[in-house]
Amino acid sequence: KNGFSLGFSKNLRQVFGDEKKYWLLPVFSSLGDGC
């Protein structure tokens, strides 16, 4: 059930990205390609 968990910090970056300036803006910044 936790096979994709990489730790809190990396899990957060997967959704919001590496650039913190985009975290609170509705612009796509998630990491990866979804596949």
All heavy atoms as atom14 arrays in JSON, in Angstrom:
{
  "sequence": "KNGFSLGFSKNLRQVFGDEKKYWLLPVFSSLGDGC",
  "atom14_mask": [
    [1, 1, 1, 1, 1, 1, 1, 1, 1, 0, 0, 0, 0, 0],
    [1, 1, 1, 1, 1, 1, 1, 1, 0, 0, 0, 0, 0, 0],
    [1, 1, 1, 1, 0, 0, 0, 0, 0, 0, 0, 0, 0, 0],
    [1, 1, 1, 1, 1, 1, 1, 1, 1, 1, 1, 0, 0, 0],
    [1, 1, 1, 1, 1, 1, 0, 0, 0, 0, 0, 0, 0, 0],
    [1, 1, 1, 1, 1, 1, 1, 1, 0, 0, 0, 0, 0, 0],
    [1, 1, 1, 1, 0, 0, 0, 0, 0, 0, 0, 0, 0, 0],
    [1, 1, 1, 1, 1, 1, 1, 1, 1, 1, 1, 0, 0, 0],
    [1, 1, 1, 1, 1, 1, 0, 0, 0, 0, 0, 0, 0, 0],
    [1, 1, 1, 1, 1, 1, 1, 1, 1, 0, 0, 0, 0, 0],
    [1, 1, 1, 1, 1, 1, 1, 1, 0, 0, 0, 0, 0, 0],
    [1, 1, 1, 1, 1, 1, 1, 1, 0, 0, 0, 0, 0, 0],
    [1, 1, 1, 1, 1, 1, 1, 1, 1, 1, 1, 0, 0, 0],
    [1, 1, 1, 1, 1, 1, 1, 1, 1, 0, 0, 0, 0, 0],
    [1, 1, 1, 1, 1, 1, 1, 0, 0, 0, 0, 0, 0, 0],
    [1, 1, 1, 1, 1, 1, 1, 1, 1, 1, 1, 0, 0, 0],
    [1, 1, 1, 1, 0, 0, 0, 0, 0, 0, 0, 0, 0, 0],
    [1, 1, 1, 1, 1, 1, 1, 1, 0, 0, 0, 0, 0, 0],
    [1, 1, 1, 1, 1, 1, 1, 1, 1, 0, 0, 0, 0, 0],
    [1, 1, 1, 1, 1, 1, 1, 1, 1, 0, 0, 0, 0, 0],
    [1, 1, 1, 1, 1, 1, 1, 1, 1, 0, 0, 0, 0, 0],
    [1, 1, 1, 1, 1, 1, 1, 1, 1, 1, 1, 1, 0, 0],
    [1, 1, 1, 1, 1, 1, 1, 1, 1, 1, 1, 1, 1, 1],
    [1, 1, 1, 1, 1, 1, 1, 1, 0, 0, 0, 0, 0, 0],
    [1, 1, 1, 1, 1, 1, 1, 1, 0, 0, 0, 0, 0, 0],
    [1, 1, 1, 1, 1, 1, 1, 0, 0, 0, 0, 0, 0, 0],
    [1, 1, 1, 1, 1, 1, 1, 0, 0, 0, 0, 0, 0, 0],
    [1, 1, 1, 1, 1, 1, 1, 1, 1, 1, 1, 0, 0, 0],
    [1, 1, 1, 1, 1, 1, 0, 0, 0, 0, 0, 0, 0, 0],
    [1, 1, 1, 1, 1, 1, 0, 0, 0, 0, 0, 0, 0, 0],
    [1, 1, 1, 1, 1, 1, 1, 1, 0, 0, 0, 0, 0, 0],
    [1, 1, 1, 1, 0, 0, 0, 0, 0, 0, 0, 0, 0, 0],
    [1, 1, 1, 1, 1, 1, 1, 1, 0, 0, 0, 0, 0, 0],
    [1, 1, 1, 1, 0, 0, 0, 0, 0, 0, 0, 0, 0, 0],
    [1, 1, 1, 1, 1, 1, 0, 0, 0, 0, 0, 0, 0, 0]
  ],
  "atom14_positions": [
    [[0.81, -1.21, 0.0], [0.0, 0.0, 0.0], [0.85, 1.26, 0.0], [0.34, 2.35, -0.3], [-0.92, 0.01, 1.22], [-0.2, 0.05, 2.56], [-1.19, 0.05, 3.71], [-0.48, 0.12, 5.05], [-1.43, 0.11, 6.17], [0.0, 0.0, 0.0], [0.0, 0.0, 0.0], [0.0, 0.0, 0.0], [0.0, 0.0, 0.0], [0.0, 0.0, 0.0]],
    [[2.13, 1.15, 0.31], [3.02, 2.31, 0.32], [4.15, 2.17, -0.7], [5.22, 2.74, -0.54], [3.63, 2.5, 1.71], [2.57, 2.79, 2.76], [1.82, 3.75, 2.65], [2.48, 1.94, 3.77], [0.0, 0.0, 0.0], [0.0, 0.0, 0.0], [0.0, 0.0, 0.0], [0.0, 0.0, 0.0], [0.0, 0.0, 0.0], [0.0, 0.0, 0.0]],
    [[3.89, 1.39, -1.76], [4.94, 1.13, -2.73], [5.41, 2.35, -3.48], [6.55, 2.38, -3.97], [0.0, 0.0, 0.0], [0.0, 0.0, 0.0], [0.0, 0.0, 0.0], [0.0, 0.0, 0.0], [0.0, 0.0, 0.0], [0.0, 0.0, 0.0], [0.0, 0.0, 0.0], [0.0, 0.0, 0.0], [0.0, 0.0, 0.0], [0.0, 0.0, 0.0]],
    [[4.57, 3.39, -3.61], [4.95, 4.59, -4.35], [5.39, 5.73, -3.43], [5.69, 6.81, -3.91], [3.79, 5.06, -5.23], [3.47, 4.13, -6.35], [2.35, 3.32, -6.3], [4.3, 4.03, -7.46], [2.05, 2.45, -7.34], [4.01, 3.16, -8.49], [2.89, 2.37, -8.43], [0.0, 0.0, 0.0], [0.0, 0.0, 0.0], [0.0, 0.0, 0.0]],
    [[5.39, 5.5, -2.14], [5.77, 6.55, -1.2], [7.28, 6.7, -1.14], [8.01, 5.73, -0.93], [5.21, 6.24, 0.2], [5.57, 7.25, 1.11], [0.0, 0.0, 0.0], [0.0, 0.0, 0.0], [0.0, 0.0, 0.0], [0.0, 0.0, 0.0], [0.0, 0.0, 0.0], [0.0, 0.0, 0.0], [0.0, 0.0, 0.0], [0.0, 0.0, 0.0]],
    [[7.76, 7.93, -1.33], [9.19, 8.21, -1.33], [9.61, 9.09, -0.16], [10.73, 9.57, -0.11], [9.6, 8.91, -2.64], [9.22, 8.22, -3.94], [9.56, 9.1, -5.13], [9.9, 6.86, -4.05], [0.0, 0.0, 0.0], [0.0, 0.0, 0.0], [0.0, 0.0, 0.0], [0.0, 0.0, 0.0], [0.0, 0.0, 0.0], [0.0, 0.0, 0.0]],
    [[8.72, 9.31, 0.78], [8.96, 10.25, 1.86], [8.15, 11.52, 1.64], [7.81, 11.88, 0.52], [0.0, 0.0, 0.0], [0.0, 0.0, 0.0], [0.0, 0.0, 0.0], [0.0, 0.0, 0.0], [0.0, 0.0, 0.0], [0.0, 0.0, 0.0], [0.0, 0.0, 0.0], [0.0, 0.0, 0.0], [0.0, 0.0, 0.0], [0.0, 0.0, 0.0]],
    [[7.87, 12.22, 2.72], [6.94, 13.35, 2.65], [7.4, 14.41, 1.65], [6.61, 14.89, 0.83], [6.8, 13.98, 4.04], [5.91, 15.19, 4.06], [4.53, 15.06, 4.03], [6.46, 16.47, 4.07], [3.71, 16.18, 4.04], [5.65, 17.59, 4.08], [4.27, 17.44, 4.06], [0.0, 0.0, 0.0], [0.0, 0.0, 0.0], [0.0, 0.0, 0.0]],
    [[8.66, 14.78, 1.7], [9.15, 15.86, 0.84], [9.04, 15.5, -0.64], [8.53, 16.28, -1.46], [10.61, 16.19, 1.19], [11.13, 17.18, 0.32], [0.0, 0.0, 0.0], [0.0, 0.0, 0.0], [0.0, 0.0, 0.0], [0.0, 0.0, 0.0], [0.0, 0.0, 0.0], [0.0, 0.0, 0.0], [0.0, 0.0, 0.0], [0.0, 0.0, 0.0]],
    [[9.49, 14.3, -1.0], [9.43, 13.89, -2.4], [8.0, 13.62, -2.86], [7.67, 13.85, -4.03], [10.3, 12.65, -2.61], [11.78, 12.93, -2.42], [12.63, 11.7, -2.66], [14.1, 12.01, -2.48], [14.96, 10.82, -2.7], [0.0, 0.0, 0.0], [0.0, 0.0, 0.0], [0.0, 0.0, 0.0], [0.0, 0.0, 0.0], [0.0, 0.0, 0.0]],
    [[7.17, 13.12, -1.96], [5.76, 12.94, -2.31], [5.09, 14.27, -2.62], [4.29, 14.38, -3.56], [5.02, 12.24, -1.16], [5.49, 10.82, -0.93], [6.12, 10.22, -1.8], [5.19, 10.28, 0.23], [0.0, 0.0, 0.0], [0.0, 0.0, 0.0], [0.0, 0.0, 0.0], [0.0, 0.0, 0.0], [0.0, 0.0, 0.0], [0.0, 0.0, 0.0]],
    [[5.42, 15.28, -1.83], [4.86, 16.61, -2.06], [5.34, 17.18, -3.39], [4.57, 17.78, -4.14], [5.25, 17.54, -0.91], [4.55, 18.9, -0.85], [3.08, 18.73, -0.54], [5.21, 19.78, 0.22], [0.0, 0.0, 0.0], [0.0, 0.0, 0.0], [0.0, 0.0, 0.0], [0.0, 0.0, 0.0], [0.0, 0.0, 0.0], [0.0, 0.0, 0.0]],
    [[6.6, 16.96, -3.72], [7.16, 17.5, -4.96], [6.59, 16.8, -6.18], [6.52, 17.4, -7.26], [8.69, 17.36, -4.94], [9.38, 18.38, -4.03], [10.76, 17.93, -3.64], [11.55, 17.55, -4.8], [12.67, 16.85, -4.74], [13.11, 16.42, -3.57], [13.35, 16.55, -5.83], [0.0, 0.0, 0.0], [0.0, 0.0, 0.0], [0.0, 0.0, 0.0]],
    [[6.18, 15.55, -6.03], [5.59, 14.88, -7.19], [4.31, 15.54, -7.64], [3.99, 15.55, -8.83], [5.31, 13.4, -6.85], [6.5, 12.5, -7.05], [6.07, 11.09, -7.42], [4.94, 10.68, -7.17], [6.97, 10.34, -8.02], [0.0, 0.0, 0.0], [0.0, 0.0, 0.0], [0.0, 0.0, 0.0], [0.0, 0.0, 0.0], [0.0, 0.0, 0.0]],
    [[3.55, 16.11, -6.71], [2.3, 16.77, -7.06], [2.5, 18.24, -7.4], [1.96, 18.74, -8.39], [1.27, 16.63, -5.92], [-0.01, 17.4, -6.23], [0.95, 15.16, -5.67], [0.0, 0.0, 0.0], [0.0, 0.0, 0.0], [0.0, 0.0, 0.0], [0.0, 0.0, 0.0], [0.0, 0.0, 0.0], [0.0, 0.0, 0.0], [0.0, 0.0, 0.0]],
    [[3.32, 18.94, -6.6], [3.46, 20.39, -6.76], [4.7, 20.8, -7.53], [4.81, 21.96, -7.93], [3.45, 21.06, -5.38], [2.13, 20.99, -4.69], [1.85, 19.99, -3.78], [1.14, 21.92, -4.95], [0.62, 19.91, -3.14], [-0.09, 21.87, -4.33], [-0.36, 20.85, -3.42], [0.0, 0.0, 0.0], [0.0, 0.0, 0.0], [0.0, 0.0, 0.0]],
    [[5.66, 19.91, -7.72], [6.84, 20.23, -8.49], [7.98, 20.75, -7.64], [7.87, 20.89, -6.42], [0.0, 0.0, 0.0], [0.0, 0.0, 0.0], [0.0, 0.0, 0.0], [0.0, 0.0, 0.0], [0.0, 0.0, 0.0], [0.0, 0.0, 0.0], [0.0, 0.0, 0.0], [0.0, 0.0, 0.0], [0.0, 0.0, 0.0], [0.0, 0.0, 0.0]],
    [[9.09, 21.06, -8.29], [10.29, 21.52, -7.6], [10.3, 23.03, -7.37], [10.96, 23.52, -6.47], [11.54, 21.12, -8.4], [11.77, 19.62, -8.39], [11.45, 18.98, -7.37], [12.26, 19.08, -9.4], [0.0, 0.0, 0.0], [0.0, 0.0, 0.0], [0.0, 0.0, 0.0], [0.0, 0.0, 0.0], [0.0, 0.0, 0.0], [0.0, 0.0, 0.0]],
    [[9.59, 23.77, -8.22], [9.58, 25.23, -8.12], [8.5, 25.67, -7.14], [7.31, 25.63, -7.44], [9.32, 25.85, -9.5], [10.39, 25.54, -10.54], [11.7, 26.24, -10.24], [11.66, 27.27, -9.53], [12.75, 25.78, -10.72], [0.0, 0.0, 0.0], [0.0, 0.0, 0.0], [0.0, 0.0, 0.0], [0.0, 0.0, 0.0], [0.0, 0.0, 0.0]],
    [[8.93, 26.12, -5.95], [7.97, 26.49, -4.92], [7.16, 27.72, -5.28], [6.07, 27.91, -4.75], [8.7, 26.72, -3.59], [9.32, 25.47, -3.0], [9.94, 25.73, -1.65], [10.53, 24.45, -1.06], [11.14, 24.7, 0.27], [0.0, 0.0, 0.0], [0.0, 0.0, 0.0], [0.0, 0.0, 0.0], [0.0, 0.0, 0.0], [0.0, 0.0, 0.0]],
    [[7.67, 28.54, -6.19], [6.93, 29.75, -6.56], [5.65, 29.42, -7.32], [4.76, 30.28, -7.44], [7.82, 30.66, -7.41], [8.31, 30.02, -8.7], [9.24, 30.96, -9.45], [9.77, 30.3, -10.73], [10.7, 31.21, -11.44], [0.0, 0.0, 0.0], [0.0, 0.0, 0.0], [0.0, 0.0, 0.0], [0.0, 0.0, 0.0], [0.0, 0.0, 0.0]],
    [[5.52, 28.19, -7.83], [4.32, 27.78, -8.55], [3.36, 26.96, -7.7], [2.29, 26.58, -8.18], [4.69, 26.97, -9.79], [5.5, 27.73, -10.8], [6.74, 27.27, -11.21], [5.03, 28.92, -11.35], [7.49, 27.96, -12.14], [5.77, 29.63, -12.29], [7.01, 29.14, -12.67], [7.74, 29.83, -13.59], [0.0, 0.0, 0.0], [0.0, 0.0, 0.0]],
    [[3.73, 26.67, -6.46], [2.92, 25.76, -5.66], [1.51, 26.29, -5.4], [0.55, 25.52, -5.41], [3.61, 25.49, -4.32], [4.73, 24.51, -4.42], [5.32, 24.05, -5.57], [5.41, 23.85, -3.35], [6.32, 23.16, -5.28], [6.4, 23.02, -3.92], [5.3, 23.91, -1.96], [7.25, 22.24, -3.15], [6.14, 23.13, -1.19], [7.11, 22.3, -1.78]],
    [[1.38, 27.6, -5.16], [0.09, 28.17, -4.8], [-0.67, 28.7, -6.0], [-1.77, 29.24, -5.84], [0.27, 29.29, -3.77], [0.92, 28.88, -2.44], [1.05, 30.09, -1.53], [0.14, 27.77, -1.76], [0.0, 0.0, 0.0], [0.0, 0.0, 0.0], [0.0, 0.0, 0.0], [0.0, 0.0, 0.0], [0.0, 0.0, 0.0], [0.0, 0.0, 0.0]],
    [[-0.13, 28.53, -7.19], [-0.79, 29.02, -8.4], [-1.36, 27.85, -9.19], [-0.72, 26.79, -9.29], [0.19, 29.8, -9.28], [0.77, 31.08, -8.68], [1.78, 31.7, -9.65], [-0.33, 32.07, -8.33], [0.0, 0.0, 0.0], [0.0, 0.0, 0.0], [0.0, 0.0, 0.0], [0.0, 0.0, 0.0], [0.0, 0.0, 0.0], [0.0, 0.0, 0.0]],
    [[-2.53, 27.98, -9.77], [-3.13, 26.9, -10.57], [-2.47, 26.76, -11.94], [-3.1, 26.9, -12.97], [-4.6, 27.33, -10.69], [-4.81, 28.4, -9.7], [-3.49, 29.08, -9.55], [0.0, 0.0, 0.0], [0.0, 0.0, 0.0], [0.0, 0.0, 0.0], [0.0, 0.0, 0.0], [0.0, 0.0, 0.0], [0.0, 0.0, 0.0], [0.0, 0.0, 0.0]],
    [[-1.18, 26.47, -11.93], [-0.45, 26.18, -13.16], [0.17, 24.8, -13.01], [0.59, 24.42, -11.92], [0.64, 27.24, -13.45], [0.01, 28.59, -13.75], [1.62, 27.35, -12.29], [0.0, 0.0, 0.0], [0.0, 0.0, 0.0], [0.0, 0.0, 0.0], [0.0, 0.0, 0.0], [0.0, 0.0, 0.0], [0.0, 0.0, 0.0], [0.0, 0.0, 0.0]],
    [[0.23, 24.05, -14.1], [0.7, 22.68, -14.0], [2.2, 22.66, -13.71], [3.0, 23.25, -14.44], [0.43, 21.94, -15.31], [0.79, 20.48, -15.25], [-0.05, 19.56, -14.66], [1.99, 20.02, -15.77], [0.27, 18.22, -14.59], [2.33, 18.68, -15.72], [1.47, 17.78, -15.12], [0.0, 0.0, 0.0], [0.0, 0.0, 0.0], [0.0, 0.0, 0.0]],
    [[2.58, 21.99, -12.63], [4.0, 21.89, -12.25], [4.34, 20.51, -11.69], [5.42, 20.34, -11.13], [4.34, 22.97, -11.22], [3.54, 22.85, -10.05], [0.0, 0.0, 0.0], [0.0, 0.0, 0.0], [0.0, 0.0, 0.0], [0.0, 0.0, 0.0], [0.0, 0.0, 0.0], [0.0, 0.0, 0.0], [0.0, 0.0, 0.0], [0.0, 0.0, 0.0]],
    [[3.44, 19.54, -11.82], [3.7, 18.2, -11.29], [4.83, 17.53, -12.04], [5.06, 17.8, -13.24], [2.43, 17.33, -11.39], [1.36, 17.91, -10.69], [0.0, 0.0, 0.0], [0.0, 0.0, 0.0], [0.0, 0.0, 0.0], [0.0, 0.0, 0.0], [0.0, 0.0, 0.0], [0.0, 0.0, 0.0], [0.0, 0.0, 0.0], [0.0, 0.0, 0.0]],
    [[5.56, 16.67, -11.35], [6.7, 15.99, -11.95], [6.25, 14.75, -12.72], [5.27, 14.1, -12.37], [7.7, 15.57, -10.87], [8.34, 16.69, -10.05], [9.32, 16.12, -9.04], [9.04, 17.71, -10.95], [0.0, 0.0, 0.0], [0.0, 0.0, 0.0], [0.0, 0.0, 0.0], [0.0, 0.0, 0.0], [0.0, 0.0, 0.0], [0.0, 0.0, 0.0]],
    [[7.0, 14.43, -13.77], [6.75, 13.21, -14.52], [5.79, 13.4, -15.66], [5.37, 14.51, -16.0], [0.0, 0.0, 0.0], [0.0, 0.0, 0.0], [0.0, 0.0, 0.0], [0.0, 0.0, 0.0], [0.0, 0.0, 0.0], [0.0, 0.0, 0.0], [0.0, 0.0, 0.0], [0.0, 0.0, 0.0], [0.0, 0.0, 0.0], [0.0, 0.0, 0.0]],
    [[5.46, 12.27, -16.28], [4.57, 12.27, -17.43], [3.27, 11.53, -17.16], [2.42, 11.41, -18.04], [5.27, 11.65, -18.65], [5.74, 10.22, -18.39], [5.52, 9.73, -17.26], [6.33, 9.61, -19.29], [0.0, 0.0, 0.0], [0.0, 0.0, 0.0], [0.0, 0.0, 0.0], [0.0, 0.0, 0.0], [0.0, 0.0, 0.0], [0.0, 0.0, 0.0]],
    [[3.1, 11.0, -15.95], [1.88, 10.29, -15.6], [1.86, 8.83, -16.0], [0.96, 8.1, -15.58], [0.0, 0.0, 0.0], [0.0, 0.0, 0.0], [0.0, 0.0, 0.0], [0.0, 0.0, 0.0], [0.0, 0.0, 0.0], [0.0, 0.0, 0.0], [0.0, 0.0, 0.0], [0.0, 0.0, 0.0], [0.0, 0.0, 0.0], [0.0, 0.0, 0.0]],
    [[2.83, 8.39, -16.81], [2.86, 7.0, -17.26], [3.77, 6.13, -16.41], [3.58, 4.91, -16.35], [3.3, 6.94, -18.73], [2.1, 7.63, -19.88], [0.0, 0.0, 0.0], [0.0, 0.0, 0.0], [0.0, 0.0, 0.0], [0.0, 0.0, 0.0], [0.0, 0.0, 0.0], [0.0, 0.0, 0.0], [0.0, 0.0, 0.0], [0.0, 0.0, 0.0]]
  ]
}
